[in-house]
Amino acid sequence: MKTNLRGDLVYLPSDITLLDTGDPTAPVQWIKLSEPSVALMVKPNWNDENIYHKVHVKGCDWLVRTIDCLDVIERHREND
């Protein structure tokens, strides 16, 4: 599994919860994704811990659990 970097695209499956970027132990706002989304990695391993990533999706920055982020990879096709 590759390490996510700032600026990478990540896939977020449906039915996961995103938290505001304040304190994840007491979030003020949260949303639950009703459909899969692609997000931009803002800060991998937020707060220098391997629990949350900070991502930009739906016009805002959110915290998402690291286990809920899947890599978006490029596949090279021969003879397109």
PDB file of N, CA and C in Angstrom:
ATOM      1  N   MET A   1       0.844  -1.183   0.000  1.00  0.00           N
ATOM      2  CA  MET A   1       0.000   0.000   0.000  1.00  0.00           C
ATOM      3  C   MET A   1       0.887   1.244   0.000  1.00  0.00           C
ATOM      4  N   LYS A   2       0.579   2.187  -0.887  1.00  0.00           N
ATOM      5  CA  LYS A   2       1.413   3.376  -0.973  1.00  0.00           C
ATOM      6  C   LYS A   2       1.005   4.407   0.076  1.00  0.00           C
ATOM      7  N   THR A   3       1.955   5.237   0.438  1.00  0.00           N
ATOM      8  CA  THR A   3       1.685   6.312   1.378  1.00  0.00           C
ATOM      9  C   THR A   3       1.036   7.468   0.628  1.00  0.00           C
ATOM     10  N   ASN A   4      -0.059   7.964   1.145  1.00  0.00           N
ATOM     11  CA  ASN A   4      -0.738   9.095   0.522  1.00  0.00           C
ATOM     12  C   ASN A   4       0.059  10.371   0.753  1.00  0.00           C
ATOM     13  N   LEU A   5       0.078  11.208  -0.279  1.00  0.00           N
ATOM     14  CA  LEU A   5       0.770  12.485  -0.209  1.00  0.00           C
ATOM     15  C   LEU A   5      -0.223  13.620  -0.403  1.00  0.00           C
ATOM     16  N   ARG A   6       0.168  14.811   0.025  1.00  0.00           N
ATOM     17  CA  ARG A   6      -0.666  15.991  -0.188  1.00  0.00           C
ATOM     18  C   ARG A   6      -0.899  16.157  -1.688  1.00  0.00           C
ATOM     19  N   GLY A   7      -2.146  16.375  -2.080  1.00  0.00           N
ATOM     20  CA  GLY A   7      -2.491  16.552  -3.478  1.00  0.00           C
ATOM     21  C   GLY A   7      -2.959  15.285  -4.167  1.00  0.00           C
ATOM     22  N   ASP A   8      -2.799  14.130  -3.529  1.00  0.00           N
ATOM     23  CA  ASP A   8      -3.285  12.870  -4.103  1.00  0.00           C
ATOM     24  C   ASP A   8      -4.807  12.831  -4.095  1.00  0.00           C
ATOM     25  N   LEU A   9      -5.367  12.098  -5.038  1.00  0.00           N
ATOM     26  CA  LEU A   9      -6.799  11.831  -5.025  1.00  0.00           C
ATOM     27  C   LEU A   9      -7.047  10.542  -4.256  1.00  0.00           C
ATOM     28  N   VAL A  10      -8.084  10.546  -3.429  1.00  0.00           N
ATOM     29  CA  VAL A  10      -8.465   9.345  -2.688  1.00  0.00           C
ATOM     30  C   VAL A  10      -9.950   9.071  -2.917  1.00  0.00           C
ATOM     31  N   TYR A  11     -10.292   7.809  -2.903  1.00  0.00           N
ATOM     32  CA  TYR A  11     -11.675   7.356  -3.076  1.00  0.00           C
ATOM     33  C   TYR A  11     -12.287   7.170  -1.701  1.00  0.00           C
ATOM     34  N   LEU A  12     -13.466   7.726  -1.507  1.00  0.00           N
ATOM     35  CA  LEU A  12     -14.195   7.582  -0.245  1.00  0.00           C
ATOM     36  C   LEU A  12     -15.474   6.799  -0.528  1.00  0.00           C
ATOM     37  N   PRO A  13     -15.632   5.624   0.064  1.00  0.00           N
ATOM     38  CA  PRO A  13     -16.846   4.842  -0.172  1.00  0.00           C
ATOM     39  C   PRO A  13     -18.065   5.490   0.481  1.00  0.00           C
ATOM     40  N   SER A  14     -19.240   5.031   0.093  1.00  0.00           N
ATOM     41  CA  SER A  14     -20.469   5.566   0.700  1.00  0.00           C
ATOM     42  C   SER A  14     -20.614   5.071   2.131  1.00  0.00           C
ATOM     43  N   ASP A  15     -21.482   5.726   2.867  1.00  0.00           N
ATOM     44  CA  ASP A  15     -21.816   5.370   4.254  1.00  0.00           C
ATOM     45  C   ASP A  15     -20.656   5.493   5.231  1.00  0.00           C
ATOM     46  N   ILE A  16     -19.735   6.431   4.975  1.00  0.00           N
ATOM     47  CA  ILE A  16     -18.707   6.739   5.967  1.00  0.00           C
ATOM     48  C   ILE A  16     -18.986   8.129   6.511  1.00  0.00           C
ATOM     49  N   THR A  17     -18.478   8.413   7.689  1.00  0.00           N
ATOM     50  CA  THR A  17     -18.706   9.699   8.339  1.00  0.00           C
ATOM     51  C   THR A  17     -17.456  10.559   8.239  1.00  0.00           C
ATOM     52  N   LEU A  18     -17.650  11.810   7.843  1.00  0.00           N
ATOM     53  CA  LEU A  18     -16.574  12.793   7.791  1.00  0.00           C
ATOM     54  C   LEU A  18     -16.790  13.784   8.928  1.00  0.00           C
ATOM     55  N   LEU A  19     -15.709  14.149   9.623  1.00  0.00           N
ATOM     56  CA  LEU A  19     -15.785  15.058  10.763  1.00  0.00           C
ATOM     57  C   LEU A  19     -15.188  16.406  10.403  1.00  0.00           C
ATOM     58  N   ASP A  20     -15.641  17.460  11.113  1.00  0.00           N
ATOM     59  CA  ASP A  20     -15.042  18.768  10.880  1.00  0.00           C
ATOM     60  C   ASP A  20     -13.567  18.717  11.278  1.00  0.00           C
ATOM     61  N   THR A  21     -12.818  19.746  10.900  1.00  0.00           N
ATOM     62  CA  THR A  21     -11.371  19.704  11.094  1.00  0.00           C
ATOM     63  C   THR A  21     -10.920  20.203  12.461  1.00  0.00           C
ATOM     64  N   GLY A  22     -11.827  20.337  13.383  1.00  0.00           N
ATOM     65  CA  GLY A  22     -11.453  20.711  14.749  1.00  0.00           C
ATOM     66  C   GLY A  22     -10.992  19.491  15.518  1.00  0.00           C
ATOM     67  N   ASP A  23     -11.528  19.278  16.674  1.00  0.00           N
ATOM     68  CA  ASP A  23     -11.170  18.148  17.521  1.00  0.00           C
ATOM     69  C   ASP A  23     -12.045  16.944  17.163  1.00  0.00           C
ATOM     70  N   PRO A  24     -11.464  15.834  16.634  1.00  0.00           N
ATOM     71  CA  PRO A  24     -12.288  14.687  16.236  1.00  0.00           C
ATOM     72  C   PRO A  24     -12.948  13.966  17.411  1.00  0.00           C
ATOM     73  N   THR A  25     -12.481  14.220  18.641  1.00  0.00           N
ATOM     74  CA  THR A  25     -13.126  13.588  19.791  1.00  0.00           C
ATOM     75  C   THR A  25     -14.411  14.304  20.175  1.00  0.00           C
ATOM     76  N   ALA A  26     -14.577  15.552  19.694  1.00  0.00           N
ATOM     77  CA  ALA A  26     -15.800  16.321  19.962  1.00  0.00           C
ATOM     78  C   ALA A  26     -16.150  17.154  18.737  1.00  0.00           C
ATOM     79  N   PRO A  27     -16.509  16.507  17.604  1.00  0.00           N
ATOM     80  CA  PRO A  27     -16.776  17.267  16.384  1.00  0.00           C
ATOM     81  C   PRO A  27     -18.009  18.148  16.513  1.00  0.00           C
ATOM     82  N   VAL A  28     -17.934  19.329  15.906  1.00  0.00           N
ATOM     83  CA  VAL A  28     -19.056  20.254  15.899  1.00  0.00           C
ATOM     84  C   VAL A  28     -19.969  19.921  14.723  1.00  0.00           C
ATOM     85  N   GLN A  29     -19.349  19.585  13.578  1.00  0.00           N
ATOM     86  CA  GLN A  29     -20.118  19.233  12.387  1.00  0.00           C
ATOM     87  C   GLN A  29     -19.627  17.893  11.858  1.00  0.00           C
ATOM     88  N   TRP A  30     -20.519  17.202  11.199  1.00  0.00           N
ATOM     89  CA  TRP A  30     -20.156  15.950  10.541  1.00  0.00           C
ATOM     90  C   TRP A  30     -21.142  15.698   9.421  1.00  0.00           C
ATOM     91  N   ILE A  31     -20.712  14.915   8.439  1.00  0.00           N
ATOM     92  CA  ILE A  31     -21.614  14.485   7.371  1.00  0.00           C
ATOM     93  C   ILE A  31     -21.385  13.003   7.120  1.00  0.00           C
ATOM     94  N   LYS A  32     -22.412  12.351   6.652  1.00  0.00           N
ATOM     95  CA  LYS A  32     -22.301  10.953   6.253  1.00  0.00           C
ATOM     96  C   LYS A  32     -22.487  10.908   4.740  1.00  0.00           C
ATOM     97  N   LEU A  33     -21.510  10.309   4.049  1.00  0.00           N
ATOM     98  CA  LEU A  33     -21.596  10.242   2.594  1.00  0.00           C
ATOM     99  C   LEU A  33     -22.676   9.262   2.168  1.00  0.00           C
ATOM    100  N   SER A  34     -23.581   9.719   1.339  1.00  0.00           N
ATOM    101  CA  SER A  34     -24.647   8.847   0.844  1.00  0.00           C
ATOM    102  C   SER A  34     -24.243   8.146  -0.449  1.00  0.00           C
ATOM    103  N   GLU A  35     -23.174   8.640  -1.073  1.00  0.00           N
ATOM    104  CA  GLU A  35     -22.679   8.015  -2.301  1.00  0.00           C
ATOM    105  C   GLU A  35     -21.153   8.110  -2.308  1.00  0.00           C
ATOM    106  N   PRO A  36     -20.486   7.229  -3.038  1.00  0.00           N
ATOM    107  CA  PRO A  36     -19.021   7.290  -3.106  1.00  0.00           C
ATOM    108  C   PRO A  36     -18.554   8.633  -3.660  1.00  0.00           C
ATOM    109  N   SER A  37     -17.378   9.074  -3.225  1.00  0.00           N
ATOM    110  CA  SER A  37     -16.826  10.353  -3.670  1.00  0.00           C
ATOM    111  C   SER A  37     -15.323  10.239  -3.863  1.00  0.00           C
ATOM    112  N   VAL A  38     -14.779  11.173  -4.614  1.00  0.00           N
ATOM    113  CA  VAL A  38     -13.337  11.313  -4.749  1.00  0.00           C
ATOM    114  C   VAL A  38     -12.953  12.605  -4.036  1.00  0.00           C
ATOM    115  N   ALA A  39     -11.906  12.542  -3.221  1.00  0.00           N
ATOM    116  CA  ALA A  39     -11.483  13.702  -2.438  1.00  0.00           C
ATOM    117  C   ALA A  39     -10.012  14.007  -2.706  1.00  0.00           C
ATOM    118  N   LEU A  40      -9.608  15.219  -2.397  1.00  0.00           N
ATOM    119  CA  LEU A  40      -8.230  15.655  -2.517  1.00  0.00           C
ATOM    120  C   LEU A  40      -7.575  15.578  -1.142  1.00  0.00           C
ATOM    121  N   MET A  41      -6.416  14.914  -1.075  1.00  0.00           N
ATOM    122  CA  MET A  41      -5.693  14.800   0.194  1.00  0.00           C
ATOM    123  C   MET A  41      -5.079  16.156   0.538  1.00  0.00           C
ATOM    124  N   VAL A  42      -5.448  16.703   1.688  1.00  0.00           N
ATOM    125  CA  VAL A  42      -4.916  17.978   2.150  1.00  0.00           C
ATOM    126  C   VAL A  42      -3.752  17.742   3.104  1.00  0.00           C
ATOM    127  N   LYS A  43      -3.931  16.841   4.069  1.00  0.00           N
ATOM    128  CA  LYS A  43      -2.892  16.539   5.065  1.00  0.00           C
ATOM    129  C   LYS A  43      -3.000  15.076   5.457  1.00  0.00           C
ATOM    130  N   PRO A  44      -2.099  14.237   4.927  1.00  0.00           N
ATOM    131  CA  PRO A  44      -2.114  12.840   5.362  1.00  0.00           C
ATOM    132  C   PRO A  44      -1.694  12.737   6.830  1.00  0.00           C
ATOM    133  N   ASN A  45      -2.229  11.731   7.501  1.00  0.00           N
ATOM    134  CA  ASN A  45      -1.908  11.496   8.916  1.00  0.00           C
ATOM    135  C   ASN A  45      -2.024  12.780   9.731  1.00  0.00           C
ATOM    136  N   TRP A  46      -3.223  13.345   9.703  1.00  0.00           N
ATOM    137  CA  TRP A  46      -3.511  14.593  10.398  1.00  0.00           C
ATOM    138  C   TRP A  46      -3.054  14.512  11.847  1.00  0.00           C
ATOM    139  N   ASN A  47      -2.488  15.574  12.343  1.00  0.00           N
ATOM    140  CA  ASN A  47      -2.006  15.671  13.718  1.00  0.00           C
ATOM    141  C   ASN A  47      -0.886  14.658  13.989  1.00  0.00           C
ATOM    142  N   ASP A  48      -0.169  14.261  12.914  1.00  0.00           N
ATOM    143  CA  ASP A  48       0.943  13.301  13.003  1.00  0.00           C
ATOM    144  C   ASP A  48       0.539  11.971  13.634  1.00  0.00           C
ATOM    145  N   GLU A  49      -0.694  11.567  13.420  1.00  0.00           N
ATOM    146  CA  GLU A  49      -1.180  10.266  13.885  1.00  0.00           C
ATOM    147  C   GLU A  49      -1.770   9.524  12.691  1.00  0.00           C
ATOM    148  N   ASN A  50      -1.731   8.225  12.727  1.00  0.00           N
ATOM    149  CA  ASN A  50      -2.253   7.412  11.628  1.00  0.00           C
ATOM    150  C   ASN A  50      -3.709   7.029  11.894  1.00  0.00           C
ATOM    151  N   ILE A  51      -4.522   8.015  12.274  1.00  0.00           N
ATOM    152  CA  ILE A  51      -5.934   7.769  12.574  1.00  0.00           C
ATOM    153  C   ILE A  51      -6.827   8.470  11.557  1.00  0.00           C
ATOM    154  N   TYR A  52      -6.514   9.739  11.268  1.00  0.00           N
ATOM    155  CA  TYR A  52      -7.315  10.537  10.339  1.00  0.00           C
ATOM    156  C   TYR A  52      -6.436  11.152   9.260  1.00  0.00           C
ATOM    157  N   HIS A  53      -7.040  11.349   8.079  1.00  0.00           N
ATOM    158  CA  HIS A  53      -6.471  12.170   7.022  1.00  0.00           C
ATOM    159  C   HIS A  53      -7.370  13.393   6.891  1.00  0.00           C
ATOM    160  N   LYS A  54      -6.787  14.520   6.527  1.00  0.00           N
ATOM    161  CA  LYS A  54      -7.566  15.717   6.229  1.00  0.00           C
ATOM    162  C   LYS A  54      -7.739  15.752   4.713  1.00  0.00           C
ATOM    163  N   VAL A  55      -8.999  15.776   4.261  1.00  0.00           N
ATOM    164  CA  VAL A  55      -9.301  15.756   2.837  1.00  0.00           C
ATOM    165  C   VAL A  55     -10.228  16.918   2.487  1.00  0.00           C
ATOM    166  N   HIS A  56     -10.237  17.273   1.200  1.00  0.00           N
ATOM    167  CA  HIS A  56     -11.147  18.307   0.715  1.00  0.00           C
ATOM    168  C   HIS A  56     -12.179  17.637  -0.186  1.00  0.00           C
ATOM    169  N   VAL A  57     -13.432  17.698   0.230  1.00  0.00           N
ATOM    170  CA  VAL A  57     -14.525  17.101  -0.533  1.00  0.00           C
ATOM    171  C   VAL A  57     -15.793  17.900  -0.254  1.00  0.00           C
ATOM    172  N   LYS A  58     -16.652  18.001  -1.249  1.00  0.00           N
ATOM    173  CA  LYS A  58     -17.907  18.739  -1.120  1.00  0.00           C
ATOM    174  C   LYS A  58     -17.692  20.189  -0.692  1.00  0.00           C
ATOM    175  N   GLY A  59     -16.583  20.799  -1.162  1.00  0.00           N
ATOM    176  CA  GLY A  59     -16.321  22.215  -0.930  1.00  0.00           C
ATOM    177  C   GLY A  59     -15.735  22.578   0.412  1.00  0.00           C
ATOM    178  N   CYS A  60     -15.417  21.586   1.264  1.00  0.00           N
ATOM    179  CA  CYS A  60     -14.874  21.859   2.601  1.00  0.00           C
ATOM    180  C   CYS A  60     -13.773  20.861   2.947  1.00  0.00           C
ATOM    181  N   ASP A  61     -12.995  21.199   3.963  1.00  0.00           N
ATOM    182  CA  ASP A  61     -12.007  20.267   4.504  1.00  0.00           C
ATOM    183  C   ASP A  61     -12.660  19.445   5.609  1.00  0.00           C
ATOM    184  N   TRP A  62     -12.390  18.138   5.590  1.00  0.00           N
ATOM    185  CA  TRP A  62     -12.967  17.208   6.554  1.00  0.00           C
ATOM    186  C   TRP A  62     -11.904  16.224   7.029  1.00  0.00           C
ATOM    187  N   LEU A  63     -12.129  15.622   8.175  1.00  0.00           N
ATOM    188  CA  LEU A  63     -11.288  14.521   8.642  1.00  0.00           C
ATOM    189  C   LEU A  63     -11.993  13.216   8.317  1.00  0.00           C
ATOM    190  N   VAL A  64     -11.226  12.270   7.791  1.00  0.00           N
ATOM    191  CA  VAL A  64     -11.761  10.952   7.458  1.00  0.00           C
ATOM    192  C   VAL A  64     -10.797   9.915   8.019  1.00  0.00           C
ATOM    193  N   ARG A  65     -11.339   8.821   8.507  1.00  0.00           N
ATOM    194  CA  ARG A  65     -10.478   7.770   9.054  1.00  0.00           C
ATOM    195  C   ARG A  65      -9.554   7.232   7.959  1.00  0.00           C
ATOM    196  N   THR A  66      -8.326   6.954   8.314  1.00  0.00           N
ATOM    197  CA  THR A  66      -7.364   6.474   7.328  1.00  0.00           C
ATOM    198  C   THR A  66      -7.831   5.175   6.681  1.00  0.00           C
ATOM    199  N   ILE A  67      -8.516   4.330   7.418  1.00  0.00           N
ATOM    200  CA  ILE A  67      -8.958   3.045   6.854  1.00  0.00           C
ATOM    201  C   ILE A  67     -10.102   3.219   5.863  1.00  0.00           C
ATOM    202  N   ASP A  68     -10.724   4.399   5.826  1.00  0.00           N
ATOM    203  CA  ASP A  68     -11.814   4.668   4.879  1.00  0.00           C
ATOM    204  C   ASP A  68     -11.321   5.291   3.571  1.00  0.00           C
ATOM    205  N   CYS A  69     -10.040   5.656   3.483  1.00  0.00           N
ATOM    206  CA  CYS A  69      -9.469   6.266   2.272  1.00  0.00           C
ATOM    207  C   CYS A  69      -8.824   5.186   1.417  1.00  0.00           C
ATOM    208  N   LEU A  70      -9.236   5.135   0.173  1.00  0.00           N
ATOM    209  CA  LEU A  70      -8.649   4.185  -0.766  1.00  0.00           C
ATOM    210  C   LEU A  70      -7.921   4.959  -1.855  1.00  0.00           C
ATOM    211  N   ASP A  71      -6.789   4.428  -2.294  1.00  0.00           N
ATOM    212  CA  ASP A  71      -5.987   5.096  -3.312  1.00  0.00           C
ATOM    213  C   ASP A  71      -6.694   5.098  -4.657  1.00  0.00           C
ATOM    214  N   VAL A  72      -6.575   6.205  -5.361  1.00  0.00           N
ATOM    215  CA  VAL A  72      -6.991   6.280  -6.759  1.00  0.00           C
ATOM    216  C   VAL A  72      -5.712   6.086  -7.561  1.00  0.00           C
ATOM    217  N   ILE A  73      -5.685   5.037  -8.369  1.00  0.00           N
ATOM    218  CA  ILE A  73      -4.469   4.746  -9.126  1.00  0.00           C
ATOM    219  C   ILE A  73      -4.732   4.881 -10.616  1.00  0.00           C
ATOM    220  N   GLU A  74      -3.678   5.184 -11.330  1.00  0.00           N
ATOM    221  CA  GLU A  74      -3.769   5.314 -12.776  1.00  0.00           C
ATOM    222  C   GLU A  74      -3.370   3.984 -13.393  1.00  0.00           C
ATOM    223  N   ARG A  75      -4.139   3.557 -14.343  1.00  0.00           N
ATOM    224  CA  ARG A  75      -3.815   2.320 -15.062  1.00  0.00           C
ATOM    225  C   ARG A  75      -3.454   2.695 -16.490  1.00  0.00           C
ATOM    226  N   HIS A  76      -2.350   2.173 -16.938  1.00  0.00           N
ATOM    227  CA  HIS A  76      -1.903   2.435 -18.298  1.00  0.00           C
ATOM    228  C   HIS A  76      -2.453   1.348 -19.216  1.00  0.00           C
ATOM    229  N   ARG A  77      -3.135   1.778 -20.275  1.00  0.00           N
ATOM    230  CA  ARG A  77      -3.661   0.833 -21.248  1.00  0.00           C
ATOM    231  C   ARG A  77      -2.821   0.872 -22.511  1.00  0.00           C
ATOM    232  N   GLU A  78      -2.448  -0.269 -22.982  1.00  0.00           N
ATOM    233  CA  GLU A  78      -1.697  -0.349 -24.229  1.00  0.00           C
ATOM    234  C   GLU A  78      -2.681  -0.373 -25.396  1.00  0.00           C
ATOM    235  N   ASN A  79      -2.299   0.248 -26.499  1.00  0.00           N
ATOM    236  CA  ASN A  79      -3.068   0.232 -27.744  1.00  0.00           C
ATOM    237  C   ASN A  79      -4.476   0.789 -27.604  1.00  0.00           C
ATOM    238  N   ASP A  80      -4.622   1.936 -26.981  1.00  0.00           N
ATOM    239  CA  ASP A  80      -5.953   2.570 -26.882  1.00  0.00           C
ATOM    240  C   ASP A  80      -6.404   3.110 -28.203  1.00  0.00           C
TER     241      ASP A  80
END
